[in-house]
Amino acid sequence: MITAPDPAAPEPPYEQLRMQVARRAASGDLAPGTRLPTVRGLATELGVATNTVARAYRELEADGVIVTEGRRGTFVASSTAASSSEAQVAAERYAAMSRRLGLGLDEARKLLDEAW
């Protein structure tokens, strides 16, 4: 279901997991209402630290991609919330790439304005 983060990728493992779940929820690959593994269970399955998965889940919940319902578990949120996160994922990717390229915020905004 969810694949392990790539240790050679420039993004930290929690961010790779966050982006993966957000993309899959936005595309419908993870349907609304899909129950996600527990933090501990997913960490064990992927061979990563529990805190890595916990941080990814916290950020996904803050973005409205997933919802945690106490002892019932963690679920993919409604498709409206998931699809709205697609733009957030794209913006975060652009910001990360711009920083890696050494662009300042004003330069990155200018490029976005020109592309628009």
PDB file of N, CA and C in Angstrom:
ATOM      1  N   MET A   1       0.825  -1.190   0.000  1.00  0.00           N
ATOM      2  CA  MET A   1       0.000   0.000   0.000  1.00  0.00           C
ATOM      3  C   MET A   1       0.873   1.258   0.000  1.00  0.00           C
ATOM      4  N   ILE A   2       1.550   1.535   1.084  1.00  0.00           N
ATOM      5  CA  ILE A   2       2.447   2.691   1.167  1.00  0.00           C
ATOM      6  C   ILE A   2       3.865   2.153   1.086  1.00  0.00           C
ATOM      7  N   THR A   3       4.687   2.790   0.242  1.00  0.00           N
ATOM      8  CA  THR A   3       6.050   2.298   0.050  1.00  0.00           C
ATOM      9  C   THR A   3       7.029   3.028   0.956  1.00  0.00           C
ATOM     10  N   ALA A   4       8.120   2.373   1.233  1.00  0.00           N
ATOM     11  CA  ALA A   4       9.154   2.925   2.113  1.00  0.00           C
ATOM     12  C   ALA A   4       9.808   4.142   1.472  1.00  0.00           C
ATOM     13  N   PRO A   5      10.202   5.110   2.291  1.00  0.00           N
ATOM     14  CA  PRO A   5      10.901   6.281   1.758  1.00  0.00           C
ATOM     15  C   PRO A   5      12.262   5.891   1.179  1.00  0.00           C
ATOM     16  N   ASP A   6      12.710   6.679   0.220  1.00  0.00           N
ATOM     17  CA  ASP A   6      13.999   6.466  -0.430  1.00  0.00           C
ATOM     18  C   ASP A   6      15.072   7.202   0.367  1.00  0.00           C
ATOM     19  N   PRO A   7      16.030   6.496   0.950  1.00  0.00           N
ATOM     20  CA  PRO A   7      17.055   7.176   1.752  1.00  0.00           C
ATOM     21  C   PRO A   7      17.947   8.106   0.933  1.00  0.00           C
ATOM     22  N   ALA A   8      17.983   7.930  -0.389  1.00  0.00           N
ATOM     23  CA  ALA A   8      18.815   8.781  -1.237  1.00  0.00           C
ATOM     24  C   ALA A   8      18.084  10.045  -1.697  1.00  0.00           C
ATOM     25  N   ALA A   9      16.786  10.130  -1.444  1.00  0.00           N
ATOM     26  CA  ALA A   9      16.001  11.292  -1.885  1.00  0.00           C
ATOM     27  C   ALA A   9      16.377  12.524  -1.063  1.00  0.00           C
ATOM     28  N   PRO A  10      16.263  13.698  -1.669  1.00  0.00           N
ATOM     29  CA  PRO A  10      16.613  14.918  -0.940  1.00  0.00           C
ATOM     30  C   PRO A  10      15.604  15.274   0.163  1.00  0.00           C
ATOM     31  N   GLU A  11      14.347  14.807   0.024  1.00  0.00           N
ATOM     32  CA  GLU A  11      13.330  15.105   1.028  1.00  0.00           C
ATOM     33  C   GLU A  11      13.498  14.162   2.214  1.00  0.00           C
ATOM     34  N   PRO A  12      13.207  14.656   3.413  1.00  0.00           N
ATOM     35  CA  PRO A  12      13.278  13.773   4.581  1.00  0.00           C
ATOM     36  C   PRO A  12      12.216  12.676   4.482  1.00  0.00           C
ATOM     37  N   PRO A  13      12.427  11.557   5.151  1.00  0.00           N
ATOM     38  CA  PRO A  13      11.497  10.430   5.058  1.00  0.00           C
ATOM     39  C   PRO A  13      10.043  10.783   5.386  1.00  0.00           C
ATOM     40  N   TYR A  14       9.815  11.603   6.431  1.00  0.00           N
ATOM     41  CA  TYR A  14       8.436  11.947   6.785  1.00  0.00           C
ATOM     42  C   TYR A  14       7.765  12.699   5.644  1.00  0.00           C
ATOM     43  N   GLU A  15       8.519  13.558   4.960  1.00  0.00           N
ATOM     44  CA  GLU A  15       7.964  14.340   3.850  1.00  0.00           C
ATOM     45  C   GLU A  15       7.652  13.443   2.655  1.00  0.00           C
ATOM     46  N   GLN A  16       8.502  12.458   2.420  1.00  0.00           N
ATOM     47  CA  GLN A  16       8.228  11.508   1.337  1.00  0.00           C
ATOM     48  C   GLN A  16       6.935  10.749   1.609  1.00  0.00           C
ATOM     49  N   LEU A  17       6.750  10.321   2.853  1.00  0.00           N
ATOM     50  CA  LEU A  17       5.520   9.619   3.202  1.00  0.00           C
ATOM     51  C   LEU A  17       4.315  10.546   3.079  1.00  0.00           C
ATOM     52  N   ARG A  18       4.443  11.767   3.565  1.00  0.00           N
ATOM     53  CA  ARG A  18       3.354  12.737   3.494  1.00  0.00           C
ATOM     54  C   ARG A  18       2.949  12.988   2.052  1.00  0.00           C
ATOM     55  N   MET A  19       3.933  13.231   1.196  1.00  0.00           N
ATOM     56  CA  MET A  19       3.637  13.506  -0.210  1.00  0.00           C
ATOM     57  C   MET A  19       3.008  12.295  -0.886  1.00  0.00           C
ATOM     58  N   GLN A  20       3.500  11.107  -0.565  1.00  0.00           N
ATOM     59  CA  GLN A  20       2.971   9.890  -1.177  1.00  0.00           C
ATOM     60  C   GLN A  20       1.493   9.700  -0.839  1.00  0.00           C
ATOM     61  N   VAL A  21       1.155   9.834   0.437  1.00  0.00           N
ATOM     62  CA  VAL A  21      -0.237   9.648   0.848  1.00  0.00           C
ATOM     63  C   VAL A  21      -1.108  10.770   0.272  1.00  0.00           C
ATOM     64  N   ALA A  22      -0.623  12.007   0.291  1.00  0.00           N
ATOM     65  CA  ALA A  22      -1.406  13.129  -0.246  1.00  0.00           C
ATOM     66  C   ALA A  22      -1.673  12.950  -1.737  1.00  0.00           C
ATOM     67  N   ARG A  23      -0.665  12.541  -2.481  1.00  0.00           N
ATOM     68  CA  ARG A  23      -0.840  12.310  -3.928  1.00  0.00           C
ATOM     69  C   ARG A  23      -1.844  11.207  -4.186  1.00  0.00           C
ATOM     70  N   ARG A  24      -1.701  10.115  -3.461  1.00  0.00           N
ATOM     71  CA  ARG A  24      -2.584   8.968  -3.683  1.00  0.00           C
ATOM     72  C   ARG A  24      -4.019   9.288  -3.271  1.00  0.00           C
ATOM     73  N   ALA A  25      -4.195  10.080  -2.228  1.00  0.00           N
ATOM     74  CA  ALA A  25      -5.538  10.481  -1.815  1.00  0.00           C
ATOM     75  C   ALA A  25      -6.147  11.424  -2.860  1.00  0.00           C
ATOM     76  N   ALA A  26      -5.346  12.361  -3.366  1.00  0.00           N
ATOM     77  CA  ALA A  26      -5.839  13.304  -4.365  1.00  0.00           C
ATOM     78  C   ALA A  26      -6.209  12.612  -5.666  1.00  0.00           C
ATOM     79  N   SER A  27      -5.468  11.587  -6.035  1.00  0.00           N
ATOM     80  CA  SER A  27      -5.726  10.882  -7.294  1.00  0.00           C
ATOM     81  C   SER A  27      -6.870   9.877  -7.171  1.00  0.00           C
ATOM     82  N   GLY A  28      -7.277   9.575  -5.942  1.00  0.00           N
ATOM     83  CA  GLY A  28      -8.322   8.589  -5.738  1.00  0.00           C
ATOM     84  C   GLY A  28      -7.781   7.184  -5.532  1.00  0.00           C
ATOM     85  N   ASP A  29      -6.472   7.030  -5.642  1.00  0.00           N
ATOM     86  CA  ASP A  29      -5.852   5.724  -5.407  1.00  0.00           C
ATOM     87  C   ASP A  29      -6.119   5.262  -3.974  1.00  0.00           C
ATOM     88  N   LEU A  30      -6.131   6.199  -3.044  1.00  0.00           N
ATOM     89  CA  LEU A  30      -6.572   5.930  -1.672  1.00  0.00           C
ATOM     90  C   LEU A  30      -7.944   6.589  -1.551  1.00  0.00           C
ATOM     91  N   ALA A  31      -8.964   5.792  -1.619  1.00  0.00           N
ATOM     92  CA  ALA A  31     -10.337   6.307  -1.619  1.00  0.00           C
ATOM     93  C   ALA A  31     -10.699   6.913  -0.267  1.00  0.00           C
ATOM     94  N   PRO A  32     -11.590   7.912  -0.276  1.00  0.00           N
ATOM     95  CA  PRO A  32     -12.072   8.461   0.989  1.00  0.00           C
ATOM     96  C   PRO A  32     -12.626   7.339   1.871  1.00  0.00           C
ATOM     97  N   GLY A  33     -12.279   7.389   3.139  1.00  0.00           N
ATOM     98  CA  GLY A  33     -12.726   6.371   4.069  1.00  0.00           C
ATOM     99  C   GLY A  33     -11.775   5.201   4.215  1.00  0.00           C
ATOM    100  N   THR A  34     -10.750   5.137   3.372  1.00  0.00           N
ATOM    101  CA  THR A  34      -9.771   4.062   3.480  1.00  0.00           C
ATOM    102  C   THR A  34      -9.065   4.157   4.825  1.00  0.00           C
ATOM    103  N   ARG A  35      -9.042   3.044   5.532  1.00  0.00           N
ATOM    104  CA  ARG A  35      -8.359   3.025   6.828  1.00  0.00           C
ATOM    105  C   ARG A  35      -6.864   2.851   6.596  1.00  0.00           C
ATOM    106  N   LEU A  36      -6.072   3.706   7.214  1.00  0.00           N
ATOM    107  CA  LEU A  36      -4.617   3.637   7.115  1.00  0.00           C
ATOM    108  C   LEU A  36      -4.061   2.801   8.266  1.00  0.00           C
ATOM    109  N   PRO A  37      -2.886   2.241   8.079  1.00  0.00           N
ATOM    110  CA  PRO A  37      -2.263   1.475   9.169  1.00  0.00           C
ATOM    111  C   PRO A  37      -1.990   2.376  10.372  1.00  0.00           C
ATOM    112  N   THR A  38      -1.860   1.765  11.526  1.00  0.00           N
ATOM    113  CA  THR A  38      -1.480   2.537  12.707  1.00  0.00           C
ATOM    114  C   THR A  38      -0.069   3.092  12.497  1.00  0.00           C
ATOM    115  N   VAL A  39       0.258   4.104  13.251  1.00  0.00           N
ATOM    116  CA  VAL A  39       1.599   4.690  13.167  1.00  0.00           C
ATOM    117  C   VAL A  39       2.653   3.627  13.416  1.00  0.00           C
ATOM    118  N   ARG A  40       2.484   2.894  14.484  1.00  0.00           N
ATOM    119  CA  ARG A  40       3.466   1.865  14.848  1.00  0.00           C
ATOM    120  C   ARG A  40       3.516   0.758  13.801  1.00  0.00           C
ATOM    121  N   GLY A  41       2.352   0.340  13.330  1.00  0.00           N
ATOM    122  CA  GLY A  41       2.288  -0.723  12.334  1.00  0.00           C
ATOM    123  C   GLY A  41       2.959  -0.338  11.030  1.00  0.00           C
ATOM    124  N   LEU A  42       2.694   0.897  10.559  1.00  0.00           N
ATOM    125  CA  LEU A  42       3.305   1.348   9.313  1.00  0.00           C
ATOM    126  C   LEU A  42       4.807   1.527   9.478  1.00  0.00           C
ATOM    127  N   ALA A  43       5.228   2.058  10.618  1.00  0.00           N
ATOM    128  CA  ALA A  43       6.662   2.231  10.870  1.00  0.00           C
ATOM    129  C   ALA A  43       7.380   0.889  10.819  1.00  0.00           C
ATOM    130  N   THR A  44       6.794  -0.115  11.435  1.00  0.00           N
ATOM    131  CA  THR A  44       7.383  -1.459  11.434  1.00  0.00           C
ATOM    132  C   THR A  44       7.426  -2.016  10.016  1.00  0.00           C
ATOM    133  N   GLU A  45       6.311  -1.869   9.301  1.00  0.00           N
ATOM    134  CA  GLU A  45       6.219  -2.386   7.929  1.00  0.00           C
ATOM    135  C   GLU A  45       7.248  -1.753   7.001  1.00  0.00           C
ATOM    136  N   LEU A  46       7.474  -0.436   7.164  1.00  0.00           N
ATOM    137  CA  LEU A  46       8.387   0.280   6.276  1.00  0.00           C
ATOM    138  C   LEU A  46       9.828   0.313   6.782  1.00  0.00           C
ATOM    139  N   GLY A  47      10.039  -0.090   8.022  1.00  0.00           N
ATOM    140  CA  GLY A  47      11.383  -0.067   8.590  1.00  0.00           C
ATOM    141  C   GLY A  47      11.874   1.339   8.893  1.00  0.00           C
ATOM    142  N   VAL A  48      10.953   2.206   9.325  1.00  0.00           N
ATOM    143  CA  VAL A  48      11.322   3.575   9.693  1.00  0.00           C
ATOM    144  C   VAL A  48      10.947   3.824  11.146  1.00  0.00           C
ATOM    145  N   ALA A  49      11.427   4.923  11.684  1.00  0.00           N
ATOM    146  CA  ALA A  49      11.121   5.268  13.067  1.00  0.00           C
ATOM    147  C   ALA A  49       9.638   5.625  13.213  1.00  0.00           C
ATOM    148  N   THR A  50       9.088   5.293  14.366  1.00  0.00           N
ATOM    149  CA  THR A  50       7.684   5.611  14.652  1.00  0.00           C
ATOM    150  C   THR A  50       7.432   7.111  14.520  1.00  0.00           C
ATOM    151  N   ASN A  51       8.378   7.924  14.976  1.00  0.00           N
ATOM    152  CA  ASN A  51       8.214   9.383  14.897  1.00  0.00           C
ATOM    153  C   ASN A  51       8.140   9.877  13.454  1.00  0.00           C
ATOM    154  N   THR A  52       8.768   9.166  12.525  1.00  0.00           N
ATOM    155  CA  THR A  52       8.712   9.541  11.110  1.00  0.00           C
ATOM    156  C   THR A  52       7.282   9.434  10.604  1.00  0.00           C
ATOM    157  N   VAL A  53       6.641   8.325  10.881  1.00  0.00           N
ATOM    158  CA  VAL A  53       5.255   8.122  10.451  1.00  0.00           C
ATOM    159  C   VAL A  53       4.331   9.065  11.211  1.00  0.00           C
ATOM    160  N   ALA A  54       4.568   9.235  12.501  1.00  0.00           N
ATOM    161  CA  ALA A  54       3.723  10.116  13.314  1.00  0.00           C
ATOM    162  C   ALA A  54       3.748  11.540  12.769  1.00  0.00           C
ATOM    163  N   ARG A  55       4.915  12.019  12.379  1.00  0.00           N
ATOM    164  CA  ARG A  55       4.999  13.382  11.847  1.00  0.00           C
ATOM    165  C   ARG A  55       4.275  13.491  10.508  1.00  0.00           C
ATOM    166  N   ALA A  56       4.450  12.498   9.648  1.00  0.00           N
ATOM    167  CA  ALA A  56       3.748  12.500   8.356  1.00  0.00           C
ATOM    168  C   ALA A  56       2.242  12.524   8.587  1.00  0.00           C
ATOM    169  N   TYR A  57       1.747  11.699   9.485  1.00  0.00           N
ATOM    170  CA  TYR A  57       0.312  11.657   9.778  1.00  0.00           C
ATOM    171  C   TYR A  57      -0.170  12.990  10.352  1.00  0.00           C
ATOM    172  N   ARG A  58       0.607  13.600  11.256  1.00  0.00           N
ATOM    173  CA  ARG A  58       0.210  14.900  11.837  1.00  0.00           C
ATOM    174  C   ARG A  58       0.064  15.951  10.745  1.00  0.00           C
ATOM    175  N   GLU A  59       1.026  15.986   9.824  1.00  0.00           N
ATOM    176  CA  GLU A  59       0.977  16.981   8.763  1.00  0.00           C
ATOM    177  C   GLU A  59      -0.157  16.699   7.784  1.00  0.00           C
ATOM    178  N   LEU A  60      -0.392  15.437   7.504  1.00  0.00           N
ATOM    179  CA  LEU A  60      -1.513  15.073   6.628  1.00  0.00           C
ATOM    180  C   LEU A  60      -2.841  15.455   7.268  1.00  0.00           C
ATOM    181  N   GLU A  61      -2.943  15.272   8.572  1.00  0.00           N
ATOM    182  CA  GLU A  61      -4.179  15.648   9.254  1.00  0.00           C
ATOM    183  C   GLU A  61      -4.347  17.158   9.262  1.00  0.00           C
ATOM    184  N   ALA A  62      -3.268  17.892   9.473  1.00  0.00           N
ATOM    185  CA  ALA A  62      -3.336  19.358   9.438  1.00  0.00           C
ATOM    186  C   ALA A  62      -3.748  19.854   8.054  1.00  0.00           C
ATOM    187  N   ASP A  63      -3.356  19.131   7.005  1.00  0.00           N
ATOM    188  CA  ASP A  63      -3.707  19.494   5.634  1.00  0.00           C
ATOM    189  C   ASP A  63      -5.115  19.039   5.253  1.00  0.00           C
ATOM    190  N   GLY A  64      -5.772  18.276   6.124  1.00  0.00           N
ATOM    191  CA  GLY A  64      -7.118  17.798   5.824  1.00  0.00           C
ATOM    192  C   GLY A  64      -7.165  16.577   4.922  1.00  0.00           C
ATOM    193  N   VAL A  65      -6.027  15.926   4.742  1.00  0.00           N
ATOM    194  CA  VAL A  65      -5.963  14.748   3.873  1.00  0.00           C
ATOM    195  C   VAL A  65      -6.452  13.512   4.614  1.00  0.00           C
ATOM    196  N   ILE A  66      -6.137  13.430   5.905  1.00  0.00           N
ATOM    197  CA  ILE A  66      -6.573  12.281   6.712  1.00  0.00           C
ATOM    198  C   ILE A  66      -7.275  12.794   7.955  1.00  0.00           C
ATOM    199  N   VAL A  67      -8.029  11.906   8.579  1.00  0.00           N
ATOM    200  CA  VAL A  67      -8.674  12.216   9.856  1.00  0.00           C
ATOM    201  C   VAL A  67      -8.407  11.067  10.810  1.00  0.00           C
ATOM    202  N   THR A  68      -8.165  11.413  12.059  1.00  0.00           N
ATOM    203  CA  THR A  68      -7.967  10.404  13.093  1.00  0.00           C
ATOM    204  C   THR A  68      -9.204  10.400  13.975  1.00  0.00           C
ATOM    205  N   GLU A  69      -9.754   9.226  14.151  1.00  0.00           N
ATOM    206  CA  GLU A  69     -10.989   9.086  14.923  1.00  0.00           C
ATOM    207  C   GLU A  69     -10.745   8.256  16.167  1.00  0.00           C
ATOM    208  N   GLY A  70      -9.820   8.717  16.978  1.00  0.00           N
ATOM    209  CA  GLY A  70      -9.529   8.046  18.241  1.00  0.00           C
ATOM    210  C   GLY A  70      -9.158   6.589  18.054  1.00  0.00           C
ATOM    211  N   ARG A  71      -9.806   5.737  18.832  1.00  0.00           N
ATOM    212  CA  ARG A  71      -9.499   4.301  18.786  1.00  0.00           C
ATOM    213  C   ARG A  71      -9.966   3.635  17.500  1.00  0.00           C
ATOM    214  N   ARG A  72     -10.855   4.288  16.761  1.00  0.00           N
ATOM    215  CA  ARG A  72     -11.327   3.713  15.489  1.00  0.00           C
ATOM    216  C   ARG A  72     -10.211   3.653  14.457  1.00  0.00           C
ATOM    217  N   GLY A  73      -9.294   4.632  14.505  1.00  0.00           N
ATOM    218  CA  GLY A  73      -8.172   4.624  13.585  1.00  0.00           C
ATOM    219  C   GLY A  73      -8.046   5.893  12.773  1.00  0.00           C
ATOM    220  N   THR A  74      -7.208   5.809  11.757  1.00  0.00           N
ATOM    221  CA  THR A  74      -6.921   6.938  10.875  1.00  0.00           C
ATOM    222  C   THR A  74      -7.424   6.595   9.484  1.00  0.00           C
ATOM    223  N   PHE A  75      -8.119   7.555   8.871  1.00  0.00           N
ATOM    224  CA  PHE A  75      -8.779   7.318   7.598  1.00  0.00           C
ATOM    225  C   PHE A  75      -8.477   8.436   6.611  1.00  0.00           C
ATOM    226  N   VAL A  76      -8.540   8.115   5.318  1.00  0.00           N
ATOM    227  CA  VAL A  76      -8.437   9.136   4.280  1.00  0.00           C
ATOM    228  C   VAL A  76      -9.703   9.975   4.371  1.00  0.00           C
ATOM    229  N   ALA A  77      -9.525  11.290   4.362  1.00  0.00           N
ATOM    230  CA  ALA A  77     -10.655  12.219   4.482  1.00  0.00           C
ATOM    231  C   ALA A  77     -11.489  12.194   3.205  1.00  0.00           C
ATOM    232  N   SER A  78     -12.569  12.940   3.230  1.00  0.00           N
ATOM    233  CA  SER A  78     -13.439  13.017   2.058  1.00  0.00           C
ATOM    234  C   SER A  78     -12.651  13.491   0.848  1.00  0.00           C
ATOM    235  N   SER A  79     -13.126  13.162  -0.330  1.00  0.00           N
ATOM    236  CA  SER A  79     -12.394  13.497  -1.554  1.00  0.00           C
ATOM    237  C   SER A  79     -12.204  14.993  -1.726  1.00  0.00           C
ATOM    238  N   THR A  80     -13.126  15.802  -1.218  1.00  0.00           N
ATOM    239  CA  THR A  80     -12.979  17.249  -1.328  1.00  0.00           C
ATOM    240  C   THR A  80     -11.738  17.718  -0.592  1.00  0.00           C
ATOM    241  N   ALA A  81     -11.560  17.227   0.622  1.00  0.00           N
ATOM    242  CA  ALA A  81     -10.379  17.618   1.396  1.00  0.00           C
ATOM    243  C   ALA A  81      -9.111  17.083   0.760  1.00  0.00           C
ATOM    244  N   ALA A  82      -9.165  15.859   0.261  1.00  0.00           N
ATOM    245  CA  ALA A  82      -7.979  15.264  -0.345  1.00  0.00           C
ATOM    246  C   ALA A  82      -7.593  16.000  -1.607  1.00  0.00           C
ATOM    247  N   SER A  83      -8.560  16.322  -2.466  1.00  0.00           N
ATOM    248  CA  SER A  83      -8.215  16.970  -3.727  1.00  0.00           C
ATOM    249  C   SER A  83      -7.714  18.392  -3.505  1.00  0.00           C
ATOM    250  N   SER A  84      -8.185  19.052  -2.444  1.00  0.00           N
ATOM    251  CA  SER A  84      -7.696  20.397  -2.175  1.00  0.00           C
ATOM    252  C   SER A  84      -6.231  20.366  -1.758  1.00  0.00           C
ATOM    253  N   SER A  85      -5.765  19.228  -1.277  1.00  0.00           N
ATOM    254  CA  SER A  85      -4.366  19.132  -0.870  1.00  0.00           C
ATOM    255  C   SER A  85      -3.433  18.963  -2.067  1.00  0.00           C
ATOM    256  N   GLU A  86      -3.978  18.621  -3.225  1.00  0.00           N
ATOM    257  CA  GLU A  86      -3.148  18.443  -4.414  1.00  0.00           C
ATOM    258  C   GLU A  86      -2.398  19.731  -4.744  1.00  0.00           C
ATOM    259  N   ALA A  87      -3.094  20.846  -4.670  1.00  0.00           N
ATOM    260  CA  ALA A  87      -2.448  22.140  -4.921  1.00  0.00           C
ATOM    261  C   ALA A  87      -1.397  22.426  -3.858  1.00  0.00           C
ATOM    262  N   GLN A  88      -1.685  22.039  -2.623  1.00  0.00           N
ATOM    263  CA  GLN A  88      -0.715  22.230  -1.544  1.00  0.00           C
ATOM    264  C   GLN A  88       0.553  21.434  -1.810  1.00  0.00           C
ATOM    265  N   VAL A  89       0.404  20.198  -2.258  1.00  0.00           N
ATOM    266  CA  VAL A  89       1.549  19.349  -2.575  1.00  0.00           C
ATOM    267  C   VAL A  89       2.372  19.981  -3.688  1.00  0.00           C
ATOM    268  N   ALA A  90       1.693  20.480  -4.729  1.00  0.00           N
ATOM    269  CA  ALA A  90       2.396  21.110  -5.850  1.00  0.00           C
ATOM    270  C   ALA A  90       3.150  22.357  -5.387  1.00  0.00           C
ATOM    271  N   ALA A  91       2.509  23.150  -4.548  1.00  0.00           N
ATOM    272  CA  ALA A  91       3.153  24.366  -4.044  1.00  0.00           C
ATOM    273  C   ALA A  91       4.378  24.021  -3.194  1.00  0.00           C
ATOM    274  N   GLU A  92       4.259  22.993  -2.375  1.00  0.00           N
ATOM    275  CA  GLU A  92       5.388  22.595  -1.541  1.00  0.00           C
ATOM    276  C   GLU A  92       6.540  22.082  -2.387  1.00  0.00           C
ATOM    277  N   ARG A  93       6.225  21.352  -3.432  1.00  0.00           N
ATOM    278  CA  ARG A  93       7.279  20.872  -4.333  1.00  0.00           C
ATOM    279  C   ARG A  93       7.985  22.042  -5.001  1.00  0.00           C
ATOM    280  N   TYR A  94       7.196  22.990  -5.488  1.00  0.00           N
ATOM    281  CA  TYR A  94       7.790  24.160  -6.141  1.00  0.00           C
ATOM    282  C   TYR A  94       8.667  24.938  -5.162  1.00  0.00           C
ATOM    283  N   ALA A  95       8.184  25.135  -3.950  1.00  0.00           N
ATOM    284  CA  ALA A  95       8.968  25.863  -2.949  1.00  0.00           C
ATOM    285  C   ALA A  95      10.264  25.126  -2.636  1.00  0.00           C
ATOM    286  N   ALA A  96      10.179  23.814  -2.475  1.00  0.00           N
ATOM    287  CA  ALA A  96      11.379  23.028  -2.166  1.00  0.00           C
ATOM    288  C   ALA A  96      12.382  23.089  -3.316  1.00  0.00           C
ATOM    289  N   MET A  97      11.901  22.941  -4.543  1.00  0.00           N
ATOM    290  CA  MET A  97      12.791  22.998  -5.704  1.00  0.00           C
ATOM    291  C   MET A  97      13.412  24.389  -5.840  1.00  0.00           C
ATOM    292  N   SER A  98      12.630  25.418  -5.625  1.00  0.00           N
ATOM    293  CA  SER A  98      13.149  26.785  -5.712  1.00  0.00           C
ATOM    294  C   SER A  98      14.256  27.013  -4.697  1.00  0.00           C
ATOM    295  N   ARG A  99      14.059  26.515  -3.483  1.00  0.00           N
ATOM    296  CA  ARG A  99      15.100  26.651  -2.449  1.00  0.00           C
ATOM    297  C   ARG A  99      16.352  25.893  -2.847  1.00  0.00           C
ATOM    298  N   ARG A 100      16.175  24.665  -3.386  1.00  0.00           N
ATOM    299  CA  ARG A 100      17.338  23.873  -3.804  1.00  0.00           C
ATOM    300  C   ARG A 100      18.112  24.581  -4.914  1.00  0.00           C
ATOM    301  N   LEU A 101      17.392  25.311  -5.766  1.00  0.00           N
ATOM    302  CA  LEU A 101      18.039  26.031  -6.855  1.00  0.00           C
ATOM    303  C   LEU A 101      18.632  27.365  -6.411  1.00  0.00           C
ATOM    304  N   GLY A 102      18.418  27.707  -5.151  1.00  0.00           N
ATOM    305  CA  GLY A 102      18.984  28.935  -4.609  1.00  0.00           C
ATOM    306  C   GLY A 102      18.168  30.176  -4.900  1.00  0.00           C
ATOM    307  N   LEU A 103      16.919  30.004  -5.292  1.00  0.00           N
ATOM    308  CA  LEU A 103      16.070  31.166  -5.582  1.00  0.00           C
ATOM    309  C   LEU A 103      15.530  31.750  -4.289  1.00  0.00           C
ATOM    310  N   GLY A 104      15.381  33.061  -4.282  1.00  0.00           N
ATOM    311  CA  GLY A 104      14.715  33.725  -3.174  1.00  0.00           C
ATOM    312  C   GLY A 104      13.215  33.706  -3.412  1.00  0.00           C
ATOM    313  N   LEU A 105      12.464  34.084  -2.395  1.00  0.00           N
ATOM    314  CA  LEU A 105      11.005  34.076  -2.506  1.00  0.00           C
ATOM    315  C   LEU A 105      10.523  34.996  -3.624  1.00  0.00           C
ATOM    316  N   ASP A 106      11.118  36.183  -3.733  1.00  0.00           N
ATOM    317  CA  ASP A 106      10.705  37.114  -4.784  1.00  0.00           C
ATOM    318  C   ASP A 106      10.965  36.542  -6.173  1.00  0.00           C
ATOM    319  N   GLU A 107      12.119  35.897  -6.359  1.00  0.00           N
ATOM    320  CA  GLU A 107      12.421  35.288  -7.658  1.00  0.00           C
ATOM    321  C   GLU A 107      11.444  34.166  -7.985  1.00  0.00           C
ATOM    322  N   ALA A 108      11.149  33.332  -6.988  1.00  0.00           N
ATOM    323  CA  ALA A 108      10.221  32.215  -7.201  1.00  0.00           C
ATOM    324  C   ALA A 108       8.825  32.726  -7.548  1.00  0.00           C
ATOM    325  N   ARG A 109       8.388  33.778  -6.870  1.00  0.00           N
ATOM    326  CA  ARG A 109       7.070  34.371  -7.173  1.00  0.00           C
ATOM    327  C   ARG A 109       7.047  34.941  -8.586  1.00  0.00           C
ATOM    328  N   LYS A 110       8.131  35.596  -8.966  1.00  0.00           N
ATOM    329  CA  LYS A 110       8.203  36.179 -10.311  1.00  0.00           C
ATOM    330  C   LYS A 110       8.078  35.086 -11.368  1.00  0.00           C
ATOM    331  N   LEU A 111       8.780  33.980 -11.178  1.00  0.00           N
ATOM    332  CA  LEU A 111       8.694  32.870 -12.133  1.00  0.00           C
ATOM    333  C   LEU A 111       7.287  32.291 -12.188  1.00  0.00           C
ATOM    334  N   LEU A 112       6.651  32.184 -11.044  1.00  0.00           N
ATOM    335  CA  LEU A 112       5.283  31.669 -11.011  1.00  0.00           C
ATOM    336  C   LEU A 112       4.340  32.631 -11.731  1.00  0.00           C
ATOM    337  N   ASP A 113       4.510  33.932 -11.498  1.00  0.00           N
ATOM    338  CA  ASP A 113       3.677  34.929 -12.186  1.00  0.00           C
ATOM    339  C   ASP A 113       3.858  34.835 -13.698  1.00  0.00           C
ATOM    340  N   GLU A 114       5.093  34.661 -14.134  1.00  0.00           N
ATOM    341  CA  GLU A 114       5.353  34.558 -15.574  1.00  0.00           C
ATOM    342  C   GLU A 114       4.735  33.284 -16.162  1.00  0.00           C
ATOM    343  N   ALA A 115       4.799  32.208 -15.416  1.00  0.00           N
ATOM    344  CA  ALA A 115       4.234  30.953 -15.890  1.00  0.00           C
ATOM    345  C   ALA A 115       2.711  31.004 -15.917  1.00  0.00           C
ATOM    346  N   TRP A 116       2.129  31.764 -15.009  1.00  0.00           N
ATOM    347  CA  TRP A 116       0.682  31.858 -14.932  1.00  0.00           C
ATOM    348  C   TRP A 116       0.140  32.538 -16.162  1.00  0.00           C
TER     349      TRP A 116
END
